Amino acid sequence: MRKINIFDTTLRDGEQSAGVNLNFSEKLEIAKQLERLGMDIIEAGFPAASPGDFASVQEIAKTVKNSSVTGLSRSIQKDMDAAWEALKDGAEPRLHVFIATSPIHREYKLKMSKEQVIEAAVSSVKYASAKFPIVQWSAEDACRTELDYLAEIVEAVIQAGARVINIPDTVGYITPMEYGNIFKYLIEHVPSINKVQLSAHCHDDLGMAIANSLAAIEAGASQIEGTINGIGERAGNAALEELAVALYTRADHYKAYTNLKLNEIKRTSNLVSKLTGMIIPPNKAIVGRNAFAHESGIHQDGVLKEKTTYEIISPELVGVSSNAMVLGKHSGRHAFKTRLEELGLVVTEEEMNKLFATFKELADKKKEMTDDDLVALVLEEKLSKDQRFFELVSIQIQYGTNQVPTATVTLSGCENETIMEAGTGAGSIEALYNTLEKCMNDSVNLLDYRIQSVGAGRDALAQVFVKMRYKDIETSGRGLAQDVLEASAKAYLNAINRVIFLKDPASVLM
């Protein structure tokens, strides 16, 4: 059995998904959960991209101790210097440096010859190796690169000090057999290949990211890169939860394993989905709502007689529990705190006081509070407290089939100012959002609005996700409440507050 290292790029490649905009606290929360999941390497971001990215990578590197934290860098010195400053306090700082190698990239993007690309790659690896104990080098668009040239540049960067060689299918173009053959070719034609780990990074443009990743393992790769839920640019990356469960379930075939704690998969998947606003399709393998559902009468009969007739994966394996503890209005502080700890939710004493008060308030309105409710409640408190420039004080909506919907809104600002406005619209949400836009004294362009329930039942919590453009910045926001309109208002304000924080972090009272 070979150990396969798992390299998670949810916080870098995953965040490049269209419409995804994670803030500092959200990135840190995801990183801590990835550590609990057992990730070998966490790519925390691109430190040179922005001050915000630098700060989040730096904090993640300081916080995470059981995973190696890395950052992406172009083959230029200022990028590598920024990455070192961000990562140097990590438990095992490593750099992920890349340069494109394919003819189309050399000609149109880099405008460099083969020799110039090799020179730049070698120079960057030598420079990085003087600082970082581990340097991973990637050949961008490797799968459309001439094999003999790919072997030549790989040998050159190994000699320069690279310890991990990544062969990315950057545009999701290749087939599993072709991809496996690239690894076999490099193993046969690169003299120093036994000095490094080979890594695979696959995109899903043709729906083959997981198949290609597994083909790479069969061909000799010992590290796989991907994201939780398969999020990422365009059609996304290889879904790491699918890869890990495939290796576990078919260990007889692949003769390989990972260190991931599979029972943390569902929790990690839900967290990433909630914070990115990217809903998990019901039929998504491993983590979709229907992954363990059986509707066919024949299937139901078989599963009732013997689960393995139609279930090759048990729900419990990936952390799907059928007997979640339910808390109610009579539950005490100790039971509440114990359940949070069992769910892996770490809160401070101050947060605990606020959360328990909110829990009791909600429990008076709802019959029961499920694990999903508790997770949503904690995340709402932990991840919104640092961006509360505007807060919702009250809303009042008047609606009837034969009258114009009207909204009245009261907000508080960071300097204890009170803002009151009223407005109308074609529907309740439009009236509410038109009124909130008046409060902003600026135009707000709503790009997307989505709502889903947390759990089931008439008294389920409502979770709203919005995407909007405000002050020339595209942003997103989330809101949680038992009332749909209140959740909608909170999501709107959450998005507005993110922009204010990006424009002037000092304006937000911590």
Protein backbone atom coordinates (compact mmCIF):
# COMPACT_ATOMS: atom_id res chain seq x y z
CA MET A 1 0.00 0.00 0.00
CA ARG A 2 1.45 3.34 -1.09
CA LYS A 3 0.78 6.54 0.85
CA ILE A 4 -0.75 9.25 -1.35
CA ASN A 5 -0.25 12.81 -0.14
CA ILE A 6 -3.29 15.03 -0.53
CA PHE A 7 -2.72 18.65 -1.53
CA ASP A 8 -5.78 20.81 -0.96
CA THR A 9 -6.17 23.98 -3.00
CA THR A 10 -9.72 24.92 -1.96
CA LEU A 11 -8.46 28.24 -0.57
CA ARG A 12 -6.52 29.12 -3.71
CA ASP A 13 -7.81 27.42 -6.86
CA GLY A 14 -11.21 26.82 -5.27
CA GLU A 15 -11.62 30.47 -4.34
CA GLN A 16 -11.04 31.35 -7.99
CA SER A 17 -14.50 29.94 -8.73
CA ALA A 18 -16.74 32.57 -10.30
CA GLY A 19 -18.65 34.43 -7.60
CA VAL A 20 -16.68 33.07 -4.63
CA ASN A 21 -15.33 35.71 -2.27
CA LEU A 22 -14.04 34.40 1.07
CA ASN A 23 -12.99 36.79 3.80
CA PHE A 24 -10.17 36.40 6.34
CA SER A 25 -12.25 34.63 9.02
CA GLU A 26 -13.89 32.28 6.53
CA LYS A 27 -10.54 31.20 5.08
CA LEU A 28 -9.18 30.53 8.55
CA GLU A 29 -12.24 28.49 9.51
CA ILE A 30 -11.94 26.36 6.37
CA ALA A 31 -8.18 25.89 6.95
CA LYS A 32 -8.78 24.63 10.51
CA GLN A 33 -11.38 22.17 9.23
CA LEU A 34 -9.01 20.97 6.48
CA GLU A 35 -6.45 20.33 9.20
CA ARG A 36 -9.03 18.29 11.15
CA LEU A 37 -9.78 16.37 7.96
CA GLY A 38 -6.12 15.38 7.80
CA MET A 39 -4.84 17.24 4.73
CA ASP A 40 -1.13 16.75 4.13
CA ILE A 41 -0.71 20.10 2.37
CA ILE A 42 -2.99 23.14 2.38
CA GLU A 43 -2.46 25.74 -0.32
CA ALA A 44 -3.68 28.79 1.58
CA GLY A 45 -3.59 31.29 -1.28
CA PHE A 46 -1.43 33.47 -3.51
CA PRO A 47 0.43 35.79 -1.06
CA ALA A 48 1.61 38.27 -3.69
CA ALA A 49 -1.87 38.72 -5.16
CA SER A 50 -3.14 41.21 -2.56
CA PRO A 51 -2.58 42.39 1.04
CA GLY A 52 -5.70 40.44 2.05
CA ASP A 53 -4.38 37.21 0.54
CA PHE A 54 -1.00 37.78 2.20
CA ALA A 55 -2.60 38.31 5.63
CA SER A 56 -4.81 35.23 5.41
CA VAL A 57 -1.95 32.98 4.22
CA GLN A 58 0.25 34.31 7.03
CA GLU A 59 -2.38 33.68 9.70
CA ILE A 60 -3.19 30.20 8.39
CA ALA A 61 0.52 29.31 8.39
CA LYS A 62 0.78 30.43 12.03
CA THR A 63 -2.40 28.61 13.09
CA VAL A 64 -2.21 25.27 11.27
CA LYS A 65 0.43 22.94 12.70
CA ASN A 66 -0.56 19.44 11.57
CA SER A 67 -0.57 20.21 7.84
CA SER A 68 2.11 21.76 5.66
CA VAL A 69 0.91 25.20 4.49
CA THR A 70 1.98 26.44 1.08
CA GLY A 71 1.37 29.43 -1.16
CA LEU A 72 1.44 29.93 -4.90
CA SER A 73 4.08 32.02 -6.64
CA ARG A 74 4.96 32.98 -10.17
CA SER A 75 8.57 32.55 -11.22
CA ILE A 76 9.49 36.07 -10.15
CA GLN A 77 11.47 37.14 -7.10
CA LYS A 78 8.92 39.51 -5.54
CA ASP A 79 6.28 36.75 -5.52
CA MET A 80 8.65 34.34 -3.81
CA ASP A 81 9.72 36.94 -1.26
CA ALA A 82 6.07 37.67 -0.40
CA ALA A 83 5.38 33.96 -0.04
CA TRP A 84 8.35 33.50 2.31
CA GLU A 85 7.26 36.36 4.55
CA ALA A 86 3.76 34.90 4.71
CA LEU A 87 4.81 31.28 5.26
CA LYS A 88 8.07 31.40 7.24
CA ASP A 89 6.34 30.88 10.61
CA GLY A 90 4.57 27.72 9.45
CA ALA A 91 5.31 24.23 10.76
CA GLU A 92 6.65 23.16 7.36
CA PRO A 93 6.73 26.12 4.95
CA ARG A 94 6.81 25.17 1.31
CA LEU A 95 6.55 27.11 -1.93
CA HIS A 96 4.48 26.22 -4.99
CA VAL A 97 6.14 27.97 -7.94
CA PHE A 98 5.01 27.61 -11.53
CA ILE A 99 5.68 28.61 -15.12
CA ALA A 100 3.86 27.66 -18.31
CA THR A 101 5.58 25.19 -20.63
CA SER A 102 3.22 24.46 -23.55
CA PRO A 103 3.86 25.92 -27.04
CA ILE A 104 0.65 27.99 -26.95
CA HIS A 105 1.58 29.55 -23.61
CA ARG A 106 5.22 30.10 -24.58
CA GLU A 107 4.23 31.88 -27.77
CA TYR A 108 1.17 33.89 -26.78
CA LYS A 109 1.38 34.46 -23.02
CA LEU A 110 5.06 34.38 -22.05
CA LYS A 111 6.55 35.28 -25.43
CA MET A 112 9.58 33.23 -24.45
CA SER A 113 11.66 30.54 -26.15
CA LYS A 114 12.09 27.03 -24.75
CA GLU A 115 15.51 27.96 -23.43
CA GLN A 116 14.23 31.12 -21.75
CA VAL A 117 11.46 29.20 -19.98
CA ILE A 118 13.97 26.65 -18.66
CA GLU A 119 16.27 29.44 -17.51
CA ALA A 120 13.42 31.18 -15.66
CA ALA A 121 12.25 27.92 -14.07
CA VAL A 122 15.73 26.95 -12.88
CA SER A 123 16.45 30.43 -11.56
CA SER A 124 13.22 30.57 -9.57
CA VAL A 125 13.70 27.11 -8.05
CA LYS A 126 17.28 27.92 -7.02
CA TYR A 127 16.16 31.18 -5.42
CA ALA A 128 13.25 29.52 -3.59
CA SER A 129 15.36 26.57 -2.42
CA ALA A 130 17.61 28.94 -0.51
CA LYS A 131 14.63 29.89 1.69
CA PHE A 132 12.09 27.07 1.65
CA PRO A 133 12.78 23.53 2.90
CA ILE A 134 10.38 22.19 0.26
CA VAL A 135 9.85 23.64 -3.22
CA GLN A 136 7.13 22.30 -5.49
CA TRP A 137 7.47 23.19 -9.14
CA SER A 138 4.56 23.10 -11.60
CA ALA A 139 4.58 23.06 -15.38
CA GLU A 140 1.45 25.03 -16.24
CA ASP A 141 -0.41 23.41 -19.16
CA ALA A 142 1.95 20.44 -18.94
CA CYS A 143 -0.48 18.16 -20.76
CA ARG A 144 -0.16 20.19 -23.99
CA THR A 145 3.62 20.36 -23.72
CA GLU A 146 6.01 18.34 -25.95
CA LEU A 147 7.00 15.26 -23.90
CA ASP A 148 10.72 15.51 -24.64
CA TYR A 149 10.75 19.19 -23.65
CA LEU A 150 8.71 18.46 -20.52
CA ALA A 151 11.24 15.81 -19.50
CA GLU A 152 14.11 18.24 -20.15
CA ILE A 153 12.71 21.05 -17.98
CA VAL A 154 11.67 18.63 -15.20
CA GLU A 155 15.24 17.29 -14.99
CA ALA A 156 16.57 20.85 -14.91
CA VAL A 157 14.37 21.98 -12.00
CA ILE A 158 15.12 18.80 -10.04
CA GLN A 159 18.82 19.58 -10.36
CA ALA A 160 18.02 23.13 -9.19
CA GLY A 161 16.43 21.86 -5.97
CA ALA A 162 12.75 21.06 -6.60
CA ARG A 163 11.42 18.27 -4.37
CA VAL A 164 7.92 17.92 -5.80
CA ILE A 165 7.08 18.00 -9.52
CA ASN A 166 3.49 18.80 -10.41
CA ILE A 167 2.06 17.90 -13.83
CA PRO A 168 -1.20 19.86 -14.10
CA ASP A 169 -3.94 19.30 -16.64
CA THR A 170 -4.57 23.04 -16.52
CA VAL A 171 -7.43 23.14 -19.03
CA GLY A 172 -8.99 19.73 -18.38
CA TYR A 173 -8.02 18.53 -21.84
CA ILE A 174 -6.39 15.15 -21.40
CA THR A 175 -7.80 11.61 -21.13
CA PRO A 176 -6.91 9.15 -18.35
CA MET A 177 -4.74 6.91 -20.54
CA GLU A 178 -2.86 9.88 -22.01
CA TYR A 179 -2.34 11.40 -18.57
CA GLY A 180 -1.00 8.18 -17.12
CA ASN A 181 1.38 7.87 -20.07
CA ILE A 182 2.88 11.31 -19.32
CA PHE A 183 3.87 10.14 -15.83
CA LYS A 184 5.25 6.89 -17.22
CA TYR A 185 7.26 8.82 -19.82
CA LEU A 186 8.78 11.11 -17.19
CA ILE A 187 9.67 8.18 -14.93
CA GLU A 188 11.47 6.53 -17.86
CA HIS A 189 13.16 9.63 -19.36
CA VAL A 190 14.06 11.91 -16.43
CA PRO A 191 17.31 10.65 -14.86
CA SER A 192 16.71 12.27 -11.43
CA ILE A 193 13.00 11.45 -11.16
CA ASN A 194 13.57 9.14 -8.15
CA LYS A 195 14.63 12.22 -6.10
CA VAL A 196 11.16 13.82 -6.20
CA GLN A 197 7.49 13.19 -5.63
CA LEU A 198 5.25 13.37 -8.67
CA SER A 199 2.00 15.28 -8.26
CA ALA A 200 -1.20 15.44 -10.32
CA HIS A 201 -3.47 18.50 -10.58
CA CYS A 202 -6.56 17.96 -12.74
CA HIS A 203 -9.35 20.22 -13.89
CA ASP A 204 -12.81 18.92 -14.75
CA ASP A 205 -13.64 20.66 -18.03
CA LEU A 206 -14.42 17.32 -19.73
CA GLY A 207 -15.63 15.65 -16.53
CA MET A 208 -12.48 13.52 -16.16
CA ALA A 209 -10.62 15.13 -13.24
CA ILE A 210 -11.07 12.19 -10.85
CA ALA A 211 -10.48 9.57 -13.56
CA ASN A 212 -7.28 11.38 -14.56
CA SER A 213 -6.12 11.69 -10.94
CA LEU A 214 -6.62 7.96 -10.37
CA ALA A 215 -4.80 7.20 -13.64
CA ALA A 216 -1.87 9.30 -12.37
CA ILE A 217 -1.74 7.24 -9.17
CA GLU A 218 -1.67 4.02 -11.19
CA ALA A 219 1.18 5.48 -13.26
CA GLY A 220 3.32 6.43 -10.25
CA ALA A 221 2.09 9.77 -8.85
CA SER A 222 2.32 9.98 -5.05
CA GLN A 223 0.53 13.32 -4.54
CA ILE A 224 -2.89 14.43 -5.76
CA GLU A 225 -4.15 18.02 -5.80
CA GLY A 226 -7.77 19.10 -5.74
CA THR A 227 -10.50 20.86 -3.81
CA ILE A 228 -13.41 20.06 -1.52
CA ASN A 229 -16.61 19.57 -3.55
CA GLY A 230 -14.51 19.91 -6.71
CA ILE A 231 -14.88 23.71 -6.79
CA GLY A 232 -12.48 25.81 -8.85
CA GLU A 233 -12.09 27.80 -12.03
CA ARG A 234 -14.46 26.99 -14.88
CA ALA A 235 -15.77 23.44 -14.29
CA GLY A 236 -13.64 23.01 -11.17
CA ASN A 237 -10.92 20.67 -9.91
CA ALA A 238 -10.72 17.05 -8.86
CA ALA A 239 -13.06 16.54 -5.87
CA LEU A 240 -10.80 15.32 -3.07
CA GLU A 241 -13.62 13.63 -1.16
CA GLU A 242 -14.33 11.47 -4.22
CA LEU A 243 -10.67 10.59 -4.61
CA ALA A 244 -10.18 9.62 -0.96
CA VAL A 245 -13.29 7.42 -0.84
CA ALA A 246 -12.41 5.82 -4.18
CA LEU A 247 -8.96 4.83 -2.87
CA TYR A 248 -10.53 3.51 0.36
CA THR A 249 -13.31 1.58 -1.35
CA ARG A 250 -11.07 0.14 -4.09
CA ALA A 251 -7.91 -0.36 -2.06
CA ASP A 252 -7.77 -3.83 -3.59
CA HIS A 253 -7.19 -2.24 -7.00
CA TYR A 254 -5.18 0.91 -6.34
CA LYS A 255 -3.08 -0.44 -3.45
CA ALA A 256 -2.91 3.11 -2.10
CA TYR A 257 -4.26 5.05 0.87
CA THR A 258 -4.52 8.59 2.27
CA ASN A 259 -4.35 9.98 5.79
CA LEU A 260 -7.71 11.73 5.49
CA LYS A 261 -10.22 11.16 8.28
CA LEU A 262 -13.12 10.11 6.11
CA ASN A 263 -15.74 10.76 8.78
CA GLU A 264 -14.87 14.48 8.57
CA ILE A 265 -15.73 14.63 4.86
CA LYS A 266 -19.39 15.60 5.10
CA ARG A 267 -18.72 18.30 7.69
CA THR A 268 -15.92 19.77 5.58
CA SER A 269 -18.06 19.65 2.45
CA ASN A 270 -20.95 21.43 4.17
CA LEU A 271 -18.66 24.12 5.56
CA VAL A 272 -17.10 24.87 2.16
CA SER A 273 -20.53 24.91 0.52
CA LYS A 274 -21.95 27.31 3.09
CA LEU A 275 -19.05 29.75 3.06
CA THR A 276 -18.58 29.82 -0.72
CA GLY A 277 -22.29 29.90 -1.51
CA MET A 278 -21.80 27.02 -3.97
CA ILE A 279 -24.67 24.58 -3.41
CA ILE A 280 -23.84 20.88 -3.55
CA PRO A 281 -25.85 19.16 -6.32
CA PRO A 282 -28.17 16.51 -4.79
CA ASN A 283 -26.67 13.80 -7.01
CA LYS A 284 -23.04 14.74 -6.22
CA ALA A 285 -20.98 11.64 -5.41
CA ILE A 286 -20.12 11.08 -1.72
CA VAL A 287 -21.59 14.33 -0.31
CA GLY A 288 -24.78 15.00 -2.28
CA ARG A 289 -28.14 14.82 -0.51
CA ASN A 290 -29.15 11.83 -2.66
CA ALA A 291 -25.82 9.98 -2.40
CA PHE A 292 -27.31 7.44 0.03
CA ALA A 293 -31.01 7.74 -0.92
CA HIS A 294 -32.90 4.84 -2.49
CA GLU A 295 -36.22 5.46 -4.22
CA SER A 296 -36.59 2.42 -6.46
CA GLY A 297 -38.68 -0.29 -4.83
CA ILE A 298 -36.21 -2.97 -5.90
CA HIS A 299 -33.30 -0.99 -4.42
CA GLN A 300 -35.17 -0.32 -1.18
CA ASP A 301 -36.01 -3.98 -0.80
CA GLY A 302 -32.39 -4.99 -1.37
CA VAL A 303 -30.96 -2.43 1.06
CA LEU A 304 -33.42 -3.45 3.78
CA LYS A 305 -32.33 -7.09 3.39
CA GLU A 306 -28.60 -6.36 3.05
CA LYS A 307 -27.11 -2.87 2.68
CA THR A 308 -24.25 -3.97 0.45
CA THR A 309 -26.69 -4.99 -2.29
CA TYR A 310 -26.84 -1.35 -3.40
CA GLU A 311 -24.55 0.57 -1.02
CA ILE A 312 -20.81 0.33 -1.63
CA ILE A 313 -20.20 3.18 0.84
CA SER A 314 -21.82 3.47 4.25
CA PRO A 315 -23.14 6.96 5.12
CA GLU A 316 -21.32 6.80 8.47
CA LEU A 317 -17.98 6.36 6.68
CA VAL A 318 -18.07 9.95 5.42
CA GLY A 319 -19.72 11.44 8.48
CA VAL A 320 -23.39 11.28 7.48
CA SER A 321 -25.21 10.44 10.71
CA SER A 322 -28.79 9.18 10.74
CA ASN A 323 -29.24 9.73 14.47
CA ALA A 324 -28.11 13.31 15.04
CA MET A 325 -28.73 14.61 18.55
CA VAL A 326 -31.60 17.04 18.77
CA LEU A 327 -31.60 19.85 21.33
CA GLY A 328 -34.65 21.83 22.38
CA LYS A 329 -35.75 24.73 24.55
CA HIS A 330 -35.27 22.65 27.71
CA SER A 331 -31.66 21.76 26.87
CA GLY A 332 -29.11 23.28 29.23
CA ARG A 333 -25.85 25.09 28.66
CA HIS A 334 -23.78 21.96 29.35
CA ALA A 335 -25.63 19.87 26.75
CA PHE A 336 -25.32 22.73 24.25
CA LYS A 337 -21.58 23.14 24.84
CA THR A 338 -20.96 19.37 24.76
CA ARG A 339 -22.73 19.03 21.42
CA LEU A 340 -20.72 21.88 19.92
CA GLU A 341 -17.51 20.13 21.01
CA GLU A 342 -18.71 16.83 19.52
CA LEU A 343 -19.35 18.65 16.25
CA GLY A 344 -15.79 20.01 16.30
CA LEU A 345 -16.96 23.59 16.78
CA VAL A 346 -14.46 25.53 18.90
CA VAL A 347 -15.84 28.70 20.51
CA THR A 348 -14.53 31.13 23.09
CA GLU A 349 -16.34 31.75 26.38
CA GLU A 350 -17.55 35.11 25.10
CA GLU A 351 -18.88 33.51 21.90
CA MET A 352 -20.44 30.76 23.99
CA ASN A 353 -22.45 33.26 26.03
CA LYS A 354 -23.86 34.93 22.91
CA LEU A 355 -24.49 31.63 21.14
CA PHE A 356 -26.35 30.06 24.04
CA ALA A 357 -28.60 33.11 24.35
CA THR A 358 -29.34 32.98 20.60
CA PHE A 359 -29.88 29.21 20.81
CA LYS A 360 -32.45 29.57 23.62
CA GLU A 361 -34.23 32.33 21.70
CA LEU A 362 -34.48 30.17 18.59
CA ALA A 363 -35.35 27.03 20.54
CA ASP A 364 -38.40 28.84 21.92
CA LYS A 365 -39.62 29.34 18.35
CA LYS A 366 -38.53 25.99 16.86
CA LYS A 367 -39.59 22.57 18.07
CA GLU A 368 -36.06 21.24 17.86
CA MET A 369 -32.52 22.33 16.99
CA THR A 370 -30.62 19.85 14.83
CA ASP A 371 -26.87 19.56 14.26
CA ASP A 372 -27.27 21.47 11.00
CA ASP A 373 -28.97 24.31 12.89
CA LEU A 374 -26.16 24.41 15.46
CA VAL A 375 -23.41 24.48 12.84
CA ALA A 376 -25.18 27.26 10.93
CA LEU A 377 -25.71 29.21 14.15
CA VAL A 378 -22.06 29.01 15.24
CA LEU A 379 -20.70 29.94 11.83
CA GLU A 380 -23.05 32.89 11.60
CA GLU A 381 -21.72 34.22 14.92
CA LYS A 382 -18.02 33.46 14.39
CA LEU A 383 -17.71 34.64 10.81
CA SER A 384 -19.76 37.83 10.80
CA LYS A 385 -18.56 39.50 13.99
CA ASP A 386 -15.53 41.15 12.35
CA GLN A 387 -17.50 42.83 9.57
CA ARG A 388 -20.45 44.66 11.13
CA PHE A 389 -20.34 48.16 9.77
CA PHE A 390 -24.10 48.14 9.22
CA GLU A 391 -26.32 46.02 11.47
CA LEU A 392 -30.00 45.27 11.10
CA VAL A 393 -32.11 46.72 13.91
CA SER A 394 -35.57 46.04 12.53
CA ILE A 395 -37.58 45.50 9.37
CA GLN A 396 -41.29 45.75 8.70
CA ILE A 397 -42.86 44.48 5.49
CA GLN A 398 -46.42 45.13 4.35
CA TYR A 399 -47.65 42.85 1.59
CA GLY A 400 -51.01 41.93 0.12
CA THR A 401 -52.16 40.63 -3.24
CA ASN A 402 -53.98 43.89 -3.98
CA GLN A 403 -51.54 46.39 -2.51
CA VAL A 404 -48.02 47.66 -3.24
CA PRO A 405 -45.42 45.85 -1.09
CA THR A 406 -43.78 48.30 1.30
CA ALA A 407 -40.70 47.90 3.49
CA THR A 408 -39.49 49.95 6.44
CA VAL A 409 -35.90 49.36 7.60
CA THR A 410 -33.91 50.55 10.61
CA LEU A 411 -30.12 50.07 10.63
CA SER A 412 -27.30 51.01 12.97
CA GLY A 413 -23.91 52.17 11.72
CA CYS A 414 -20.47 51.72 13.28
CA GLU A 415 -20.66 55.05 15.11
CA ASN A 416 -24.03 54.24 16.70
CA GLU A 417 -25.86 56.25 14.04
CA THR A 418 -29.43 55.19 13.27
CA ILE A 419 -30.64 54.99 9.68
CA MET A 420 -34.33 54.67 8.80
CA GLU A 421 -35.78 54.36 5.32
CA ALA A 422 -38.93 53.12 3.58
CA GLY A 423 -39.48 51.91 0.03
CA THR A 424 -41.67 49.88 -2.28
CA GLY A 425 -41.22 47.20 -4.89
CA ALA A 426 -43.01 44.66 -7.06
CA GLY A 427 -42.57 42.04 -4.33
CA SER A 428 -41.49 41.78 -0.70
CA ILE A 429 -37.80 41.11 -1.44
CA GLU A 430 -37.62 43.90 -4.02
CA ALA A 431 -39.26 46.33 -1.60
CA LEU A 432 -36.78 45.31 1.10
CA TYR A 433 -33.74 45.59 -1.16
CA ASN A 434 -34.89 48.90 -2.67
CA THR A 435 -35.15 50.27 0.86
CA LEU A 436 -31.74 48.94 1.88
CA GLU A 437 -30.23 50.52 -1.24
CA LYS A 438 -31.63 53.88 -0.08
CA CYS A 439 -29.82 53.38 3.23
CA MET A 440 -26.52 52.95 1.36
CA ASN A 441 -26.78 56.25 -0.56
CA ASP A 442 -25.23 54.45 -3.52
CA SER A 443 -26.34 52.11 -6.28
CA VAL A 444 -26.27 48.38 -5.56
CA ASN A 445 -26.61 45.91 -8.43
CA LEU A 446 -28.01 42.54 -7.30
CA LEU A 447 -26.45 39.78 -9.45
CA ASP A 448 -27.75 36.63 -7.75
CA TYR A 449 -30.16 35.68 -4.97
CA ARG A 450 -30.56 32.16 -3.59
CA ILE A 451 -32.41 30.72 -0.63
CA GLN A 452 -32.38 27.30 0.98
CA SER A 453 -33.51 25.80 4.24
CA VAL A 454 -31.22 24.51 6.96
CA GLY A 455 -32.79 21.16 7.80
CA ALA A 456 -36.45 20.42 7.17
CA GLY A 457 -39.86 21.33 8.49
CA ARG A 458 -41.99 24.45 8.55
CA ASP A 459 -39.83 26.02 11.24
CA ALA A 460 -36.51 25.40 9.46
CA LEU A 461 -33.93 28.19 9.43
CA ALA A 462 -33.65 30.11 6.16
CA GLN A 463 -30.22 30.64 4.64
CA VAL A 464 -29.92 33.30 1.94
CA PHE A 465 -26.96 33.85 -0.38
CA VAL A 466 -26.59 36.99 -2.51
CA LYS A 467 -24.07 38.23 -5.03
CA MET A 468 -23.94 41.94 -5.86
CA ARG A 469 -21.85 44.79 -7.18
CA TYR A 470 -21.29 47.73 -4.83
CA LYS A 471 -18.74 50.55 -5.23
CA ASP A 472 -17.38 48.77 -8.34
CA ILE A 473 -16.60 45.63 -6.33
CA GLU A 474 -18.34 42.29 -6.92
CA THR A 475 -19.08 40.71 -3.57
CA SER A 476 -21.22 38.07 -1.91
CA GLY A 477 -23.04 37.76 1.39
CA ARG A 478 -24.93 35.25 3.53
CA GLY A 479 -27.74 35.61 6.02
CA LEU A 480 -29.37 33.20 8.46
CA ALA A 481 -32.68 33.60 10.27
CA GLN A 482 -35.93 31.79 10.87
CA ASP A 483 -37.69 34.40 8.78
CA VAL A 484 -36.89 34.53 5.07
CA LEU A 485 -37.07 38.33 4.88
CA GLU A 486 -34.79 38.80 7.87
CA ALA A 487 -32.29 36.34 6.37
CA SER A 488 -32.47 38.26 3.08
CA ALA A 489 -31.73 41.57 4.82
CA LYS A 490 -28.80 40.04 6.72
CA ALA A 491 -27.32 38.59 3.51
CA TYR A 492 -27.56 41.99 1.80
CA LEU A 493 -25.84 43.77 4.70
CA ASN A 494 -23.19 41.06 4.98
CA ALA A 495 -22.24 41.70 1.34
CA ILE A 496 -22.20 45.49 1.83
CA ASN A 497 -20.04 45.16 4.96
CA ARG A 498 -17.49 43.05 3.08
CA VAL A 499 -16.98 45.83 0.55
CA ILE A 500 -16.61 48.47 3.27
CA PHE A 501 -14.05 46.26 5.01
CA LEU A 502 -12.08 45.79 1.77
CA LYS A 503 -12.12 49.52 1.07
CA ASP A 504 -11.12 50.53 4.61
CA PRO A 505 -10.45 47.77 7.17
CA ALA A 506 -9.78 50.37 9.86
CA SER A 507 -13.37 51.63 9.59
CA VAL A 508 -14.74 48.44 11.07
CA LEU A 509 -14.76 48.32 14.85
CA MET A 510 -13.28 44.98 15.90
